[in-house]
Amino acid sequence: MNLPNKLTLGRALISPVFMALLLYDNVYSRYAALAVFLLASLSDILDGYLARRNGQQTGFGKIMDPIADKLLISVALVAFVALKLSSVWMVMVIIVREFLIMGLRTLVAYRGQIMESSILAKLKTSSQMLAVLAVLVFLCCRDTLAASGSYLPEYQLANYIFILDGLIFLAMLLTVVSGLDYLIKSRWLILGLFKGNM
């Protein structure tokens, strides 16, 4: 297994650890979760760069890379719901869309064709990463204050959570729009896929 694939696999395997750190109610654990998320995000950039530079792009990498990305984002969003920092319905919409499109892309790729990525898909991914990062930073700041004996006033806490929920809502909108864009642009590929199974 080459280095880019090892980085991709490592990112997938570390997702449960990231979730456990995030859910553990401890300021050091929250900072550790933030560090793990940043490292995982950097590994996503690095594995793609190394694969392209060294000509090490593989079928495994093309399938596993988006799975690892979606797994990391999904466990973060599920944890946010458990911590009452996001709405269940928004998280469900994001997760269902992500794995639906990923499944279709995998099936189409299996037939030797490609559902091309788009600028909307890149914006979607960026918005998801930004939303997760913002919530993680908020948690670290809130828990640092709590550890020192200081607490945010209820109204201020509610305002921050409203803003964070807004970021997740924006990510959800871009996730849905980019998903529809995929379906429209690749409709003939998808129709051909299902016709071939009839």
N, C-alpha and C. Protein backbone atom coordinates (compact mmCIF):
# COMPACT_ATOMS: atom_id res chain seq x y z
N MET A 1 0.85 -1.20 0.00
CA MET A 1 0.00 0.00 0.00
C MET A 1 0.89 1.25 0.00
N ASN A 2 0.63 2.17 -0.93
CA ASN A 2 1.47 3.37 -1.01
C ASN A 2 1.10 4.38 0.07
N LEU A 3 1.94 5.43 0.20
CA LEU A 3 1.76 6.41 1.27
C LEU A 3 0.43 7.17 1.19
N PRO A 4 0.02 7.67 0.01
CA PRO A 4 -1.28 8.35 -0.05
C PRO A 4 -2.44 7.48 0.44
N ASN A 5 -2.42 6.20 0.07
CA ASN A 5 -3.49 5.30 0.51
C ASN A 5 -3.43 5.05 2.02
N LYS A 6 -2.22 4.99 2.57
CA LYS A 6 -2.07 4.83 4.02
C LYS A 6 -2.64 6.04 4.76
N LEU A 7 -2.39 7.24 4.22
CA LEU A 7 -2.93 8.46 4.83
C LEU A 7 -4.45 8.46 4.78
N THR A 8 -4.99 8.03 3.64
CA THR A 8 -6.45 7.97 3.49
C THR A 8 -7.06 6.97 4.46
N LEU A 9 -6.46 5.79 4.54
CA LEU A 9 -6.97 4.76 5.44
C LEU A 9 -6.85 5.21 6.89
N GLY A 10 -5.74 5.86 7.22
CA GLY A 10 -5.55 6.37 8.58
C GLY A 10 -6.61 7.39 8.95
N ARG A 11 -6.99 8.24 7.99
CA ARG A 11 -8.03 9.24 8.23
C ARG A 11 -9.37 8.57 8.53
N ALA A 12 -9.66 7.50 7.82
CA ALA A 12 -10.91 6.77 8.07
C ALA A 12 -10.90 6.09 9.43
N LEU A 13 -9.77 5.48 9.78
CA LEU A 13 -9.68 4.73 11.04
C LEU A 13 -9.67 5.64 12.26
N ILE A 14 -9.21 6.88 12.09
CA ILE A 14 -9.12 7.78 13.23
C ILE A 14 -10.45 8.47 13.53
N SER A 15 -11.42 8.34 12.63
CA SER A 15 -12.72 9.01 12.83
C SER A 15 -13.41 8.60 14.13
N PRO A 16 -13.46 7.29 14.49
CA PRO A 16 -14.08 6.93 15.77
C PRO A 16 -13.34 7.51 16.98
N VAL A 17 -12.01 7.60 16.88
CA VAL A 17 -11.21 8.20 17.95
C VAL A 17 -11.57 9.68 18.09
N PHE A 18 -11.68 10.35 16.95
CA PHE A 18 -12.07 11.76 16.93
C PHE A 18 -13.42 11.96 17.59
N MET A 19 -14.38 11.09 17.27
CA MET A 19 -15.72 11.21 17.86
C MET A 19 -15.68 10.99 19.37
N ALA A 20 -14.92 9.99 19.81
CA ALA A 20 -14.82 9.71 21.25
C ALA A 20 -14.22 10.89 22.00
N LEU A 21 -13.18 11.49 21.44
CA LEU A 21 -12.55 12.66 22.07
C LEU A 21 -13.53 13.83 22.13
N LEU A 22 -14.29 13.99 21.08
CA LEU A 22 -15.24 15.10 20.99
C LEU A 22 -16.37 14.96 22.01
N LEU A 23 -16.84 13.74 22.21
CA LEU A 23 -17.97 13.51 23.12
C LEU A 23 -17.56 13.48 24.58
N TYR A 24 -16.28 13.23 24.85
CA TYR A 24 -15.81 13.17 26.24
C TYR A 24 -15.80 14.59 26.81
N ASP A 25 -16.50 14.80 27.91
CA ASP A 25 -16.69 16.14 28.47
C ASP A 25 -15.48 16.58 29.28
N ASN A 26 -14.43 17.00 28.54
CA ASN A 26 -13.19 17.41 29.18
C ASN A 26 -12.49 18.40 28.25
N VAL A 27 -11.98 19.49 28.80
CA VAL A 27 -11.38 20.53 27.97
C VAL A 27 -10.19 20.01 27.17
N TYR A 28 -9.38 19.14 27.77
CA TYR A 28 -8.21 18.60 27.06
C TYR A 28 -8.64 17.67 25.93
N SER A 29 -9.70 16.93 26.17
CA SER A 29 -10.24 16.03 25.15
C SER A 29 -10.76 16.82 23.96
N ARG A 30 -11.38 17.96 24.23
CA ARG A 30 -11.91 18.80 23.15
C ARG A 30 -10.77 19.39 22.31
N TYR A 31 -9.71 19.81 22.97
CA TYR A 31 -8.55 20.32 22.23
C TYR A 31 -7.90 19.21 21.41
N ALA A 32 -7.88 18.01 21.98
CA ALA A 32 -7.33 16.85 21.25
C ALA A 32 -8.18 16.56 20.02
N ALA A 33 -9.51 16.67 20.17
CA ALA A 33 -10.41 16.45 19.03
C ALA A 33 -10.15 17.49 17.94
N LEU A 34 -9.94 18.74 18.34
CA LEU A 34 -9.63 19.80 17.38
C LEU A 34 -8.33 19.50 16.64
N ALA A 35 -7.32 19.06 17.39
CA ALA A 35 -6.02 18.72 16.78
C ALA A 35 -6.16 17.55 15.80
N VAL A 36 -6.93 16.54 16.19
CA VAL A 36 -7.14 15.38 15.31
C VAL A 36 -7.85 15.81 14.02
N PHE A 37 -8.85 16.68 14.16
CA PHE A 37 -9.59 17.15 12.98
C PHE A 37 -8.67 17.93 12.03
N LEU A 38 -7.84 18.80 12.60
CA LEU A 38 -6.91 19.57 11.77
C LEU A 38 -5.91 18.66 11.06
N LEU A 39 -5.39 17.68 11.78
CA LEU A 39 -4.44 16.73 11.18
C LEU A 39 -5.10 15.91 10.08
N ALA A 40 -6.34 15.47 10.34
CA ALA A 40 -7.07 14.69 9.34
C ALA A 40 -7.34 15.53 8.10
N SER A 41 -7.68 16.81 8.30
CA SER A 41 -7.93 17.70 7.17
C SER A 41 -6.66 17.91 6.35
N LEU A 42 -5.54 18.08 7.03
CA LEU A 42 -4.26 18.24 6.34
C LEU A 42 -3.88 16.96 5.58
N SER A 43 -4.18 15.81 6.18
CA SER A 43 -3.87 14.54 5.50
C SER A 43 -4.69 14.39 4.23
N ASP A 44 -5.90 14.97 4.21
CA ASP A 44 -6.74 14.92 3.02
C ASP A 44 -6.08 15.69 1.88
N ILE A 45 -5.52 16.85 2.22
CA ILE A 45 -4.81 17.65 1.21
C ILE A 45 -3.54 16.93 0.76
N LEU A 46 -2.82 16.40 1.75
CA LEU A 46 -1.52 15.78 1.48
C LEU A 46 -1.63 14.51 0.64
N ASP A 47 -2.61 13.65 0.96
CA ASP A 47 -2.69 12.39 0.20
C ASP A 47 -3.01 12.62 -1.27
N GLY A 48 -3.88 13.60 -1.53
CA GLY A 48 -4.20 13.92 -2.92
C GLY A 48 -3.00 14.49 -3.66
N TYR A 49 -2.27 15.37 -2.98
CA TYR A 49 -1.08 15.99 -3.58
C TYR A 49 -0.02 14.95 -3.91
N LEU A 50 0.25 14.07 -2.94
CA LEU A 50 1.28 13.04 -3.13
C LEU A 50 0.89 12.06 -4.24
N ALA A 51 -0.39 11.70 -4.26
CA ALA A 51 -0.86 10.75 -5.28
C ALA A 51 -0.69 11.32 -6.68
N ARG A 52 -1.02 12.62 -6.84
CA ARG A 52 -0.88 13.25 -8.16
C ARG A 52 0.59 13.46 -8.53
N ARG A 53 1.38 13.93 -7.56
CA ARG A 53 2.79 14.23 -7.84
C ARG A 53 3.59 12.98 -8.19
N ASN A 54 3.32 11.90 -7.47
CA ASN A 54 4.11 10.68 -7.65
C ASN A 54 3.45 9.65 -8.57
N GLY A 55 2.33 10.04 -9.17
CA GLY A 55 1.63 9.11 -10.05
C GLY A 55 1.15 7.87 -9.32
N GLN A 56 0.67 8.06 -8.07
CA GLN A 56 0.26 6.93 -7.24
C GLN A 56 -1.25 6.86 -7.05
N GLN A 57 -1.98 7.40 -8.01
CA GLN A 57 -3.44 7.34 -7.93
C GLN A 57 -3.91 5.91 -8.21
N THR A 58 -4.73 5.39 -7.33
CA THR A 58 -5.19 4.00 -7.45
C THR A 58 -6.71 3.94 -7.34
N GLY A 59 -7.27 2.81 -7.75
CA GLY A 59 -8.71 2.61 -7.61
C GLY A 59 -9.13 2.65 -6.16
N PHE A 60 -8.30 2.05 -5.29
CA PHE A 60 -8.59 2.07 -3.85
C PHE A 60 -8.67 3.50 -3.34
N GLY A 61 -7.70 4.33 -3.74
CA GLY A 61 -7.65 5.71 -3.28
C GLY A 61 -8.84 6.52 -3.75
N LYS A 62 -9.23 6.31 -5.01
CA LYS A 62 -10.35 7.07 -5.57
C LYS A 62 -11.66 6.74 -4.86
N ILE A 63 -11.80 5.51 -4.40
CA ILE A 63 -13.02 5.12 -3.69
C ILE A 63 -12.93 5.46 -2.21
N MET A 64 -11.77 5.18 -1.61
CA MET A 64 -11.62 5.33 -0.16
C MET A 64 -11.50 6.78 0.29
N ASP A 65 -10.91 7.64 -0.55
CA ASP A 65 -10.70 9.04 -0.15
C ASP A 65 -12.01 9.76 0.18
N PRO A 66 -13.02 9.73 -0.72
CA PRO A 66 -14.28 10.39 -0.36
C PRO A 66 -15.00 9.71 0.81
N ILE A 67 -14.83 8.38 0.95
CA ILE A 67 -15.44 7.69 2.10
C ILE A 67 -14.84 8.21 3.40
N ALA A 68 -13.51 8.35 3.43
CA ALA A 68 -12.82 8.84 4.64
C ALA A 68 -13.26 10.26 4.97
N ASP A 69 -13.38 11.11 3.94
CA ASP A 69 -13.81 12.49 4.15
C ASP A 69 -15.22 12.55 4.74
N LYS A 70 -16.12 11.79 4.14
CA LYS A 70 -17.51 11.82 4.57
C LYS A 70 -17.68 11.20 5.96
N LEU A 71 -16.87 10.21 6.26
CA LEU A 71 -16.92 9.59 7.58
C LEU A 71 -16.51 10.58 8.66
N LEU A 72 -15.43 11.32 8.40
CA LEU A 72 -14.94 12.31 9.36
C LEU A 72 -15.99 13.39 9.62
N ILE A 73 -16.56 13.93 8.55
CA ILE A 73 -17.58 14.97 8.69
C ILE A 73 -18.83 14.42 9.37
N SER A 74 -19.22 13.21 9.00
CA SER A 74 -20.44 12.61 9.55
C SER A 74 -20.34 12.37 11.05
N VAL A 75 -19.21 11.83 11.51
CA VAL A 75 -19.09 11.57 12.95
C VAL A 75 -19.06 12.88 13.73
N ALA A 76 -18.47 13.93 13.13
CA ALA A 76 -18.46 15.24 13.78
C ALA A 76 -19.89 15.76 13.93
N LEU A 77 -20.67 15.69 12.86
CA LEU A 77 -22.04 16.20 12.89
C LEU A 77 -22.92 15.41 13.85
N VAL A 78 -22.76 14.10 13.88
CA VAL A 78 -23.53 13.27 14.81
C VAL A 78 -23.18 13.64 16.25
N ALA A 79 -21.90 13.88 16.50
CA ALA A 79 -21.47 14.30 17.84
C ALA A 79 -22.07 15.65 18.21
N PHE A 80 -22.16 16.56 17.24
CA PHE A 80 -22.75 17.88 17.51
C PHE A 80 -24.22 17.75 17.90
N VAL A 81 -24.92 16.82 17.25
CA VAL A 81 -26.32 16.58 17.62
C VAL A 81 -26.39 16.07 19.05
N ALA A 82 -25.51 15.13 19.40
CA ALA A 82 -25.48 14.57 20.76
C ALA A 82 -25.17 15.65 21.80
N LEU A 83 -24.37 16.65 21.39
CA LEU A 83 -23.99 17.74 22.30
C LEU A 83 -24.98 18.90 22.23
N LYS A 84 -26.07 18.70 21.47
CA LYS A 84 -27.13 19.72 21.32
C LYS A 84 -26.60 21.02 20.70
N LEU A 85 -25.72 20.86 19.72
CA LEU A 85 -25.14 22.00 19.02
C LEU A 85 -25.61 22.08 17.57
N SER A 86 -26.46 21.14 17.17
CA SER A 86 -26.99 21.16 15.81
C SER A 86 -28.32 20.42 15.78
N SER A 87 -29.10 20.72 14.76
CA SER A 87 -30.42 20.09 14.60
C SER A 87 -30.28 18.73 13.92
N VAL A 88 -31.05 17.77 14.40
CA VAL A 88 -30.99 16.41 13.86
C VAL A 88 -31.32 16.40 12.38
N TRP A 89 -32.36 17.12 11.97
CA TRP A 89 -32.82 17.04 10.58
C TRP A 89 -31.76 17.53 9.59
N MET A 90 -31.03 18.59 9.97
CA MET A 90 -29.99 19.11 9.07
C MET A 90 -28.87 18.09 8.90
N VAL A 91 -28.47 17.49 9.99
CA VAL A 91 -27.41 16.49 9.95
C VAL A 91 -27.84 15.28 9.13
N MET A 92 -29.09 14.86 9.29
CA MET A 92 -29.60 13.72 8.52
C MET A 92 -29.60 14.02 7.02
N VAL A 93 -30.01 15.23 6.65
CA VAL A 93 -30.03 15.62 5.23
C VAL A 93 -28.61 15.54 4.65
N ILE A 94 -27.64 16.08 5.38
CA ILE A 94 -26.25 16.08 4.91
C ILE A 94 -25.74 14.66 4.74
N ILE A 95 -25.93 13.83 5.76
CA ILE A 95 -25.38 12.47 5.73
C ILE A 95 -26.03 11.62 4.64
N VAL A 96 -27.36 11.71 4.52
CA VAL A 96 -28.06 10.92 3.50
C VAL A 96 -27.60 11.33 2.11
N ARG A 97 -27.51 12.64 1.86
CA ARG A 97 -27.06 13.12 0.54
C ARG A 97 -25.64 12.63 0.25
N GLU A 98 -24.75 12.76 1.23
CA GLU A 98 -23.35 12.41 1.01
C GLU A 98 -23.19 10.95 0.61
N PHE A 99 -23.83 10.07 1.35
CA PHE A 99 -23.64 8.64 1.07
C PHE A 99 -24.45 8.18 -0.15
N LEU A 100 -25.54 8.88 -0.46
CA LEU A 100 -26.30 8.57 -1.68
C LEU A 100 -25.46 8.88 -2.92
N ILE A 101 -24.91 10.10 -2.97
CA ILE A 101 -24.10 10.50 -4.12
C ILE A 101 -22.83 9.66 -4.20
N MET A 102 -22.24 9.38 -3.05
CA MET A 102 -21.03 8.56 -3.03
C MET A 102 -21.31 7.16 -3.59
N GLY A 103 -22.45 6.60 -3.21
CA GLY A 103 -22.83 5.29 -3.71
C GLY A 103 -23.03 5.29 -5.22
N LEU A 104 -23.71 6.34 -5.72
CA LEU A 104 -23.93 6.46 -7.16
C LEU A 104 -22.60 6.61 -7.91
N ARG A 105 -21.70 7.45 -7.36
CA ARG A 105 -20.40 7.66 -8.01
C ARG A 105 -19.60 6.35 -8.06
N THR A 106 -19.69 5.58 -6.98
CA THR A 106 -18.96 4.31 -6.93
C THR A 106 -19.51 3.33 -7.97
N LEU A 107 -20.85 3.26 -8.08
CA LEU A 107 -21.47 2.36 -9.07
C LEU A 107 -21.12 2.76 -10.49
N VAL A 108 -21.16 4.08 -10.74
CA VAL A 108 -20.83 4.58 -12.08
C VAL A 108 -19.37 4.30 -12.40
N ALA A 109 -18.48 4.52 -11.41
CA ALA A 109 -17.05 4.26 -11.60
C ALA A 109 -16.80 2.78 -11.87
N TYR A 110 -17.59 1.93 -11.23
CA TYR A 110 -17.46 0.48 -11.43
C TYR A 110 -17.75 0.11 -12.89
N ARG A 111 -18.62 0.93 -13.52
CA ARG A 111 -18.93 0.70 -14.94
C ARG A 111 -17.91 1.37 -15.87
N GLY A 112 -16.87 1.96 -15.29
CA GLY A 112 -15.82 2.57 -16.10
C GLY A 112 -16.10 4.00 -16.52
N GLN A 113 -17.07 4.66 -15.87
CA GLN A 113 -17.38 6.05 -16.19
C GLN A 113 -17.19 6.91 -14.95
N ILE A 114 -17.23 8.24 -15.16
CA ILE A 114 -16.93 9.15 -14.06
C ILE A 114 -18.02 10.20 -13.93
N MET A 115 -18.51 10.40 -12.70
CA MET A 115 -19.37 11.54 -12.40
C MET A 115 -18.43 12.67 -11.98
N GLU A 116 -18.26 13.66 -12.86
CA GLU A 116 -17.28 14.71 -12.62
C GLU A 116 -17.66 15.56 -11.41
N SER A 117 -16.63 15.94 -10.65
CA SER A 117 -16.84 16.85 -9.53
C SER A 117 -17.06 18.26 -10.09
N SER A 118 -17.58 19.15 -9.25
CA SER A 118 -17.88 20.51 -9.71
C SER A 118 -17.44 21.52 -8.67
N ILE A 119 -17.49 22.79 -9.06
CA ILE A 119 -17.14 23.86 -8.13
C ILE A 119 -18.09 23.87 -6.94
N LEU A 120 -19.36 23.50 -7.19
CA LEU A 120 -20.34 23.44 -6.10
C LEU A 120 -19.95 22.37 -5.08
N ALA A 121 -19.43 21.25 -5.57
CA ALA A 121 -19.01 20.18 -4.66
C ALA A 121 -17.84 20.63 -3.80
N LYS A 122 -16.93 21.40 -4.39
CA LYS A 122 -15.79 21.92 -3.63
C LYS A 122 -16.25 22.94 -2.59
N LEU A 123 -17.20 23.79 -2.98
CA LEU A 123 -17.76 24.77 -2.03
C LEU A 123 -18.48 24.05 -0.89
N LYS A 124 -19.18 22.98 -1.24
CA LYS A 124 -19.89 22.18 -0.23
C LYS A 124 -18.93 21.62 0.79
N THR A 125 -17.84 21.02 0.30
CA THR A 125 -16.85 20.43 1.20
C THR A 125 -16.22 21.50 2.09
N SER A 126 -15.88 22.65 1.49
CA SER A 126 -15.28 23.75 2.26
C SER A 126 -16.23 24.25 3.33
N SER A 127 -17.52 24.37 2.99
CA SER A 127 -18.50 24.86 3.96
C SER A 127 -18.68 23.88 5.12
N GLN A 128 -18.64 22.58 4.81
CA GLN A 128 -18.75 21.57 5.87
C GLN A 128 -17.55 21.63 6.81
N MET A 129 -16.35 21.72 6.22
CA MET A 129 -15.13 21.78 7.03
C MET A 129 -15.12 23.03 7.91
N LEU A 130 -15.55 24.16 7.33
CA LEU A 130 -15.59 25.41 8.07
C LEU A 130 -16.57 25.32 9.23
N ALA A 131 -17.75 24.75 8.98
CA ALA A 131 -18.76 24.62 10.03
C ALA A 131 -18.26 23.74 11.17
N VAL A 132 -17.66 22.60 10.83
CA VAL A 132 -17.13 21.69 11.86
C VAL A 132 -16.02 22.37 12.65
N LEU A 133 -15.12 23.04 11.95
CA LEU A 133 -14.01 23.74 12.61
C LEU A 133 -14.52 24.82 13.56
N ALA A 134 -15.53 25.58 13.12
CA ALA A 134 -16.09 26.65 13.95
C ALA A 134 -16.70 26.09 15.23
N VAL A 135 -17.42 24.98 15.12
CA VAL A 135 -18.02 24.37 16.31
C VAL A 135 -16.94 23.85 17.26
N LEU A 136 -15.90 23.25 16.70
CA LEU A 136 -14.81 22.73 17.54
C LEU A 136 -14.10 23.85 18.29
N VAL A 137 -13.84 24.96 17.59
CA VAL A 137 -13.19 26.11 18.24
C VAL A 137 -14.10 26.67 19.34
N PHE A 138 -15.40 26.75 19.06
CA PHE A 138 -16.35 27.22 20.07
C PHE A 138 -16.32 26.33 21.31
N LEU A 139 -16.34 25.02 21.10
CA LEU A 139 -16.31 24.07 22.22
C LEU A 139 -15.05 24.25 23.06
N CYS A 140 -13.92 24.40 22.39
CA CYS A 140 -12.65 24.58 23.11
C CYS A 140 -12.67 25.86 23.94
N CYS A 141 -13.16 26.95 23.34
CA CYS A 141 -13.23 28.23 24.06
C CYS A 141 -14.20 28.15 25.24
N ARG A 142 -15.36 27.57 25.00
CA ARG A 142 -16.37 27.45 26.07
C ARG A 142 -15.85 26.61 27.23
N ASP A 143 -15.21 25.48 26.90
CA ASP A 143 -14.72 24.59 27.94
C ASP A 143 -13.52 25.17 28.68
N THR A 144 -12.72 25.98 27.98
CA THR A 144 -11.59 26.66 28.63
C THR A 144 -12.11 27.65 29.67
N LEU A 145 -13.15 28.39 29.30
CA LEU A 145 -13.77 29.32 30.25
C LEU A 145 -14.35 28.57 31.45
N ALA A 146 -15.04 27.47 31.16
CA ALA A 146 -15.66 26.68 32.24
C ALA A 146 -14.60 26.12 33.18
N ALA A 147 -13.46 25.69 32.63
CA ALA A 147 -12.40 25.12 33.46
C ALA A 147 -11.78 26.16 34.38
N SER A 148 -11.86 27.43 33.96
CA SER A 148 -11.31 28.51 34.79
C SER A 148 -12.35 29.10 35.74
N GLY A 149 -13.56 28.52 35.70
CA GLY A 149 -14.61 28.98 36.60
C GLY A 149 -15.49 30.07 36.02
N SER A 150 -15.30 30.38 34.73
CA SER A 150 -16.11 31.41 34.07
C SER A 150 -17.08 30.74 33.10
N TYR A 151 -18.23 31.34 32.95
CA TYR A 151 -19.25 30.77 32.06
C TYR A 151 -19.87 31.88 31.22
N LEU A 152 -20.21 31.53 29.99
CA LEU A 152 -20.88 32.49 29.12
C LEU A 152 -22.31 32.71 29.60
N PRO A 153 -22.80 33.95 29.56
CA PRO A 153 -24.21 34.19 29.88
C PRO A 153 -25.11 33.40 28.93
N GLU A 154 -26.28 33.02 29.40
CA GLU A 154 -27.18 32.19 28.60
C GLU A 154 -27.52 32.82 27.25
N TYR A 155 -27.77 34.15 27.24
CA TYR A 155 -28.15 34.80 25.99
C TYR A 155 -26.99 34.78 24.99
N GLN A 156 -25.76 34.96 25.51
CA GLN A 156 -24.59 34.95 24.65
C GLN A 156 -24.32 33.55 24.10
N LEU A 157 -24.51 32.56 24.95
CA LEU A 157 -24.36 31.17 24.54
C LEU A 157 -25.36 30.83 23.43
N ALA A 158 -26.60 31.29 23.63
CA ALA A 158 -27.65 31.04 22.63
C ALA A 158 -27.31 31.71 21.30
N ASN A 159 -26.74 32.92 21.36
CA ASN A 159 -26.35 33.63 20.14
C ASN A 159 -25.26 32.87 19.37
N TYR A 160 -24.27 32.38 20.11
CA TYR A 160 -23.18 31.63 19.47
C TYR A 160 -23.71 30.35 18.82
N ILE A 161 -24.58 29.65 19.53
CA ILE A 161 -25.13 28.40 18.99
C ILE A 161 -25.99 28.68 17.75
N PHE A 162 -26.69 29.82 17.77
CA PHE A 162 -27.50 30.22 16.60
C PHE A 162 -26.60 30.44 15.38
N ILE A 163 -25.47 31.10 15.59
CA ILE A 163 -24.52 31.35 14.50
C ILE A 163 -23.94 30.04 13.97
N LEU A 164 -23.56 29.16 14.90
CA LEU A 164 -23.00 27.86 14.50
C LEU A 164 -24.02 27.03 13.74
N ASP A 165 -25.26 27.06 14.22
CA ASP A 165 -26.33 26.34 13.53
C ASP A 165 -26.54 26.91 12.12
N GLY A 166 -26.36 28.24 12.01
CA GLY A 166 -26.46 28.89 10.71
C GLY A 166 -25.39 28.41 9.74
N LEU A 167 -24.18 28.22 10.24
CA LEU A 167 -23.09 27.70 9.40
C LEU A 167 -23.39 26.28 8.93
N ILE A 168 -23.94 25.47 9.83
CA ILE A 168 -24.30 24.10 9.45
C ILE A 168 -25.46 24.11 8.46
N PHE A 169 -26.40 25.05 8.65
CA PHE A 169 -27.52 25.19 7.71
C PHE A 169 -27.00 25.56 6.31
N LEU A 170 -26.04 26.49 6.26
CA LEU A 170 -25.45 26.88 4.97
C LEU A 170 -24.76 25.68 4.32
N ALA A 171 -24.03 24.90 5.13
CA ALA A 171 -23.38 23.69 4.62
C ALA A 171 -24.41 22.71 4.08
N MET A 172 -25.54 22.60 4.78
CA MET A 172 -26.61 21.69 4.34
C MET A 172 -27.19 22.14 3.00
N LEU A 173 -27.42 23.46 2.85
CA LEU A 173 -27.95 23.98 1.59
C LEU A 173 -27.01 23.68 0.43
N LEU A 174 -25.72 23.95 0.64
CA LEU A 174 -24.74 23.68 -0.41
C LEU A 174 -24.63 22.18 -0.70
N THR A 175 -24.81 21.37 0.34
CA THR A 175 -24.77 19.92 0.18
C THR A 175 -25.93 19.45 -0.70
N VAL A 176 -27.12 19.98 -0.45
CA VAL A 176 -28.30 19.61 -1.23
C VAL A 176 -28.18 20.11 -2.68
N VAL A 177 -27.78 21.38 -2.83
CA VAL A 177 -27.67 21.97 -4.17
C VAL A 177 -26.62 21.25 -5.00
N SER A 178 -25.46 20.95 -4.40
CA SER A 178 -24.41 20.24 -5.14
C SER A 178 -24.85 18.81 -5.48
N GLY A 179 -25.65 18.20 -4.60
CA GLY A 179 -26.18 16.87 -4.88
C GLY A 179 -27.13 16.89 -6.07
N LEU A 180 -28.01 17.89 -6.11
CA LEU A 180 -28.92 18.03 -7.25
C LEU A 180 -28.14 18.31 -8.53
N ASP A 181 -27.08 19.11 -8.40
CA ASP A 181 -26.22 19.41 -9.55
C ASP A 181 -25.59 18.14 -10.11
N TYR A 182 -25.11 17.28 -9.21
CA TYR A 182 -24.56 15.98 -9.61
C TYR A 182 -25.59 15.17 -10.38
N LEU A 183 -26.81 15.09 -9.81
CA LEU A 183 -27.86 14.26 -10.41
C LEU A 183 -28.27 14.77 -11.78
N ILE A 184 -28.37 16.10 -11.92
CA ILE A 184 -28.78 16.69 -13.20
C ILE A 184 -27.70 16.48 -14.26
N LYS A 185 -26.45 16.80 -13.90
CA LYS A 185 -25.36 16.70 -14.88
C LYS A 185 -25.05 15.25 -15.25
N SER A 186 -25.32 14.33 -14.34
CA SER A 186 -24.97 12.92 -14.58
C SER A 186 -26.21 12.06 -14.81
N ARG A 187 -27.33 12.69 -15.17
CA ARG A 187 -28.59 11.94 -15.26
C ARG A 187 -28.52 10.82 -16.29
N TRP A 188 -27.81 11.05 -17.42
CA TRP A 188 -27.75 10.00 -18.44
C TRP A 188 -26.88 8.84 -17.99
N LEU A 189 -25.82 9.16 -17.25
CA LEU A 189 -24.98 8.09 -16.69
C LEU A 189 -25.78 7.25 -15.71
N ILE A 190 -26.56 7.94 -14.87
CA ILE A 190 -27.34 7.24 -13.84
C ILE A 190 -28.45 6.41 -14.48
N LEU A 191 -29.14 7.01 -15.47
CA LEU A 191 -30.20 6.27 -16.16
C LEU A 191 -29.63 5.04 -16.87
N GLY A 192 -28.46 5.21 -17.47
CA GLY A 192 -27.80 4.09 -18.14
C GLY A 192 -27.42 3.00 -17.16
N LEU A 193 -27.04 3.42 -15.95
CA LEU A 193 -26.66 2.47 -14.91
C LEU A 193 -27.85 1.59 -14.53
N PHE A 194 -29.01 2.22 -14.33
CA PHE A 194 -30.19 1.46 -13.91
C PHE A 194 -30.79 0.66 -15.07
N LYS A 195 -30.69 1.20 -16.29
CA LYS A 195 -31.18 0.44 -17.45
C LYS A 195 -30.36 -0.82 -17.65
N GLY A 196 -29.06 -0.69 -17.37
CA GLY A 196 -28.17 -1.84 -17.52
C GLY A 196 -28.46 -2.95 -16.55
N ASN A 197 -29.14 -2.60 -15.43
CA ASN A 197 -29.46 -3.61 -14.42
C ASN A 197 -30.84 -4.21 -14.62
N MET A 198 -31.55 -3.73 -15.63
CA MET A 198 -32.92 -4.22 -15.86
C MET A 198 -32.91 -5.47 -16.73
